[in-house]
Amino acid sequence: MNTDHLDTALLASAMTIAAEKGWSSVTLPDAARDAGLDMGEVRRRFPFRNALMLRLGTLADQAALVDDGSTSPPQDALFDLLMRRFDVFQQYRTGVIAVMSALPFDPILTALLGIATLDSMKWIGAAAGIDTSGPGGLLRVKGLTAVWMHTLRAWKKDESEDLGSTMAALEEALAKAARFGLLRGSRTAADDHSDTLPDLELAPVP
């Protein structure tokens, strides 16, 4: 079986269980059985349950990072890239929200997703033309993570089909990050604001 198909089928099954019973009730054998997947292959690809959420983040990154030939300014590019991530999350919406609700009670998953999110934002930032290297780059990555978190909370509440509230929250957060000089390509530009970050809460999420 194509591994991408296996991964998405397993994700859909697991997220359905999470939406119905909560993330704590999700097991990989149950998700594999419900999806009609070979358990041996699932065990090989996903040695532990939390790997499934890391895979969701990777799939969202892959969708975001497709090269469409765009030469948009960083702020516009980031809007497009991050909304592509949300398009993937939207496919598993109820399950992802269930996982988000479980994070305060699952410190291991919270830590793993925190690290994975920073890494994702480093890729997204670099793809948008932002310098993510060095101390200034780390600041920009943290700022972009704050943008993602702020928007993710808006997405969680946004039940519209066009995700209008999500897009508005993302535009607002990106504009604020831009005012702090965190969306520029040069390291020097952001270093002028090295002691501040946008007033957006940082927290680990998918």
Protein backbone atom coordinates (compact mmCIF):
# COMPACT_ATOMS: atom_id res chain seq x y z
CA MET A 1 0.00 0.00 0.00
CA ASN A 2 1.14 3.53 -0.75
CA THR A 3 2.49 4.95 2.50
CA ASP A 4 0.79 8.33 2.00
CA HIS A 5 -2.55 6.58 1.59
CA LEU A 6 -1.91 4.48 4.70
CA ASP A 7 -0.96 7.56 6.69
CA THR A 8 -4.00 9.60 5.68
CA ALA A 9 -6.37 6.66 6.17
CA LEU A 10 -4.95 6.00 9.64
CA LEU A 11 -5.13 9.70 10.50
CA ALA A 12 -8.76 9.90 9.40
CA SER A 13 -9.63 6.87 11.51
CA ALA A 14 -7.73 8.07 14.57
CA MET A 15 -9.16 11.58 14.35
CA THR A 16 -12.69 10.15 14.10
CA ILE A 17 -12.10 8.16 17.29
CA ALA A 18 -10.59 11.24 18.97
CA ALA A 19 -13.59 13.35 18.01
CA GLU A 20 -16.01 10.75 19.37
CA LYS A 21 -14.20 9.54 22.48
CA GLY A 22 -11.26 11.88 23.10
CA TRP A 23 -7.56 11.59 22.27
CA SER A 24 -6.88 9.44 25.34
CA SER A 25 -9.13 6.73 23.88
CA VAL A 26 -7.24 6.53 20.58
CA THR A 27 -5.08 3.45 20.04
CA LEU A 28 -3.19 2.65 16.86
CA PRO A 29 -4.55 -0.93 16.66
CA ASP A 30 -8.14 0.35 16.91
CA ALA A 31 -7.49 3.06 14.32
CA ALA A 32 -5.82 0.53 11.99
CA ARG A 33 -8.66 -1.96 12.41
CA ASP A 34 -11.35 0.65 11.77
CA ALA A 35 -9.51 1.83 8.65
CA GLY A 36 -8.99 -1.72 7.36
CA LEU A 37 -5.20 -1.35 7.41
CA ASP A 38 -2.51 -3.95 7.95
CA MET A 39 -1.53 -3.69 11.61
CA GLY A 40 2.01 -4.86 10.96
CA GLU A 41 2.58 -2.05 8.48
CA VAL A 42 0.99 0.49 10.83
CA ARG A 43 3.25 -0.74 13.64
CA ARG A 44 6.28 -0.35 11.37
CA ARG A 45 5.44 3.21 10.35
CA PHE A 46 4.09 4.41 13.69
CA PRO A 47 6.01 2.92 16.63
CA PHE A 48 4.09 5.07 19.12
CA ARG A 49 0.75 6.91 19.05
CA ASN A 50 2.16 10.42 19.23
CA ALA A 51 4.01 9.78 15.96
CA LEU A 52 0.63 10.08 14.28
CA MET A 53 0.32 13.74 15.29
CA LEU A 54 3.88 14.43 14.20
CA ARG A 55 2.96 12.93 10.82
CA LEU A 56 -0.04 15.26 10.58
CA GLY A 57 2.30 18.20 11.06
CA THR A 58 4.61 16.88 8.35
CA LEU A 59 1.71 16.43 5.92
CA ALA A 60 0.59 20.00 6.66
CA ASP A 61 4.14 21.24 6.00
CA GLN A 62 4.34 19.32 2.73
CA ALA A 63 1.09 20.88 1.55
CA ALA A 64 2.26 24.34 2.58
CA LEU A 65 5.69 24.05 1.00
CA VAL A 66 4.61 23.07 -2.50
CA ASP A 67 6.49 25.40 -4.84
CA ASP A 68 3.90 27.34 -6.84
CA GLY A 69 6.41 29.77 -8.31
CA SER A 70 5.14 32.64 -6.17
CA THR A 71 7.43 35.63 -5.58
CA SER A 72 5.14 37.37 -3.07
CA PRO A 73 6.56 39.53 -0.26
CA PRO A 74 7.15 37.60 2.99
CA GLN A 75 3.94 38.73 4.68
CA ASP A 76 1.77 37.66 1.74
CA ALA A 77 3.74 34.45 1.27
CA LEU A 78 3.33 33.55 4.93
CA PHE A 79 -0.42 34.06 4.70
CA ASP A 80 -0.63 31.60 1.81
CA LEU A 81 1.72 29.05 3.38
CA LEU A 82 0.00 29.03 6.76
CA MET A 83 -3.48 28.84 5.25
CA ARG A 84 -2.34 25.76 3.31
CA ARG A 85 -1.41 24.23 6.66
CA PHE A 86 -4.90 25.00 7.92
CA ASP A 87 -6.39 23.37 4.83
CA VAL A 88 -4.82 20.08 5.95
CA PHE A 89 -5.90 20.55 9.56
CA GLN A 90 -9.41 21.29 8.35
CA GLN A 91 -9.63 17.80 6.84
CA TYR A 92 -9.33 16.36 10.36
CA ARG A 93 -10.93 19.29 12.17
CA THR A 94 -12.95 17.62 14.92
CA GLY A 95 -10.16 15.22 15.77
CA VAL A 96 -7.49 17.92 15.84
CA ILE A 97 -9.65 20.01 18.17
CA ALA A 98 -10.02 16.97 20.43
CA VAL A 99 -6.24 16.59 20.51
CA MET A 100 -5.82 20.30 21.32
CA SER A 101 -8.21 19.90 24.24
CA ALA A 102 -6.16 16.96 25.53
CA LEU A 103 -2.77 18.73 25.42
CA PRO A 104 -2.93 20.16 28.97
CA PHE A 105 -3.19 16.57 30.24
CA ASP A 106 -0.52 15.07 27.95
CA PRO A 107 2.86 16.68 28.66
CA ILE A 108 4.81 14.31 26.42
CA LEU A 109 2.70 15.09 23.35
CA THR A 110 2.76 18.78 24.26
CA ALA A 111 6.56 18.78 24.35
CA LEU A 112 6.87 16.84 21.09
CA LEU A 113 4.48 19.14 19.27
CA GLY A 114 6.20 22.19 20.69
CA ILE A 115 9.51 21.11 19.15
CA ALA A 116 7.84 20.05 15.90
CA THR A 117 5.97 23.34 15.59
CA LEU A 118 9.14 25.40 15.95
CA ASP A 119 10.76 23.27 13.25
CA SER A 120 7.71 23.68 10.99
CA MET A 121 7.75 27.44 11.42
CA LYS A 122 11.46 27.51 10.57
CA TRP A 123 10.69 25.80 7.25
CA ILE A 124 7.67 28.03 6.60
CA GLY A 125 9.62 31.18 7.40
CA ALA A 126 12.53 30.21 5.17
CA ALA A 127 10.13 29.35 2.33
CA ALA A 128 8.62 32.83 2.65
CA GLY A 129 12.05 34.44 2.29
CA ILE A 130 12.72 35.14 5.97
CA ASP A 131 16.21 34.62 7.38
CA THR A 132 15.84 31.96 10.08
CA SER A 133 19.52 31.58 10.92
CA GLY A 134 21.34 32.77 14.03
CA PRO A 135 19.88 34.48 17.12
CA GLY A 136 17.81 36.89 15.03
CA GLY A 137 16.46 33.98 13.04
CA LEU A 138 15.43 32.17 16.21
CA LEU A 139 13.56 35.29 17.29
CA ARG A 140 11.73 35.39 13.97
CA VAL A 141 10.85 31.69 14.21
CA LYS A 142 9.45 32.23 17.71
CA GLY A 143 7.48 35.21 16.44
CA LEU A 144 6.08 33.14 13.59
CA THR A 145 5.18 30.39 16.05
CA ALA A 146 3.25 32.98 18.04
CA VAL A 147 1.44 33.98 14.84
CA TRP A 148 0.55 30.33 14.20
CA MET A 149 -0.69 29.82 17.76
CA HIS A 150 -2.81 32.97 17.73
CA THR A 151 -4.41 31.90 14.46
CA LEU A 152 -4.85 28.28 15.56
CA ARG A 153 -6.97 29.43 18.48
CA ALA A 154 -9.11 31.45 16.06
CA TRP A 155 -9.38 28.40 13.76
CA LYS A 156 -10.58 26.26 16.66
CA LYS A 157 -13.58 28.60 17.09
CA ASP A 158 -14.17 29.23 13.39
CA GLU A 159 -17.01 27.05 12.12
CA SER A 160 -17.47 28.90 8.82
CA GLU A 161 -16.88 27.09 5.54
CA ASP A 162 -14.56 29.76 4.18
CA LEU A 163 -12.57 30.12 7.44
CA GLY A 164 -13.10 33.86 7.29
CA SER A 165 -12.38 34.42 10.99
CA THR A 166 -9.22 32.35 10.71
CA MET A 167 -7.97 34.39 7.78
CA ALA A 168 -8.77 37.64 9.58
CA ALA A 169 -6.87 36.49 12.68
CA LEU A 170 -3.90 35.46 10.55
CA GLU A 171 -3.81 38.80 8.74
CA GLU A 172 -3.96 40.63 12.06
CA ALA A 173 -1.18 38.54 13.60
CA LEU A 174 1.08 38.87 10.55
CA ALA A 175 0.56 42.63 10.48
CA LYS A 176 1.55 42.84 14.14
CA ALA A 177 4.62 40.66 13.55
CA ALA A 178 5.58 42.87 10.61
CA ARG A 179 5.39 45.97 12.81
CA PHE A 180 7.90 44.34 15.14
CA GLY A 181 10.24 43.71 12.20
CA LEU A 182 9.91 39.93 12.47
CA LEU A 183 8.99 39.26 8.84
CA ARG A 184 12.03 40.76 7.17
CA GLY A 185 14.67 38.84 5.29
CA SER A 186 17.77 40.39 6.81
CA ARG A 187 19.06 39.43 10.23
CA THR A 188 19.91 43.01 11.12
CA ALA A 189 16.36 44.25 10.63
CA ALA A 190 14.90 41.94 13.26
CA ASP A 191 17.81 42.30 15.67
CA ASP A 192 16.68 45.90 16.30
CA HIS A 193 13.71 44.35 18.16
CA SER A 194 15.56 41.48 19.81
CA ASP A 195 14.12 42.29 23.23
CA THR A 196 10.47 42.13 22.20
CA LEU A 197 7.97 39.82 20.57
CA PRO A 198 4.42 40.44 19.35
CA ASP A 199 1.87 40.26 22.14
CA LEU A 200 0.83 36.77 21.08
CA GLU A 201 0.98 33.83 23.43
CA LEU A 202 3.45 31.06 22.60
CA ALA A 203 2.33 27.50 23.24
CA PRO A 204 3.11 24.10 21.70
CA VAL A 205 0.52 22.87 19.22
CA PRO A 206 0.39 20.64 16.16
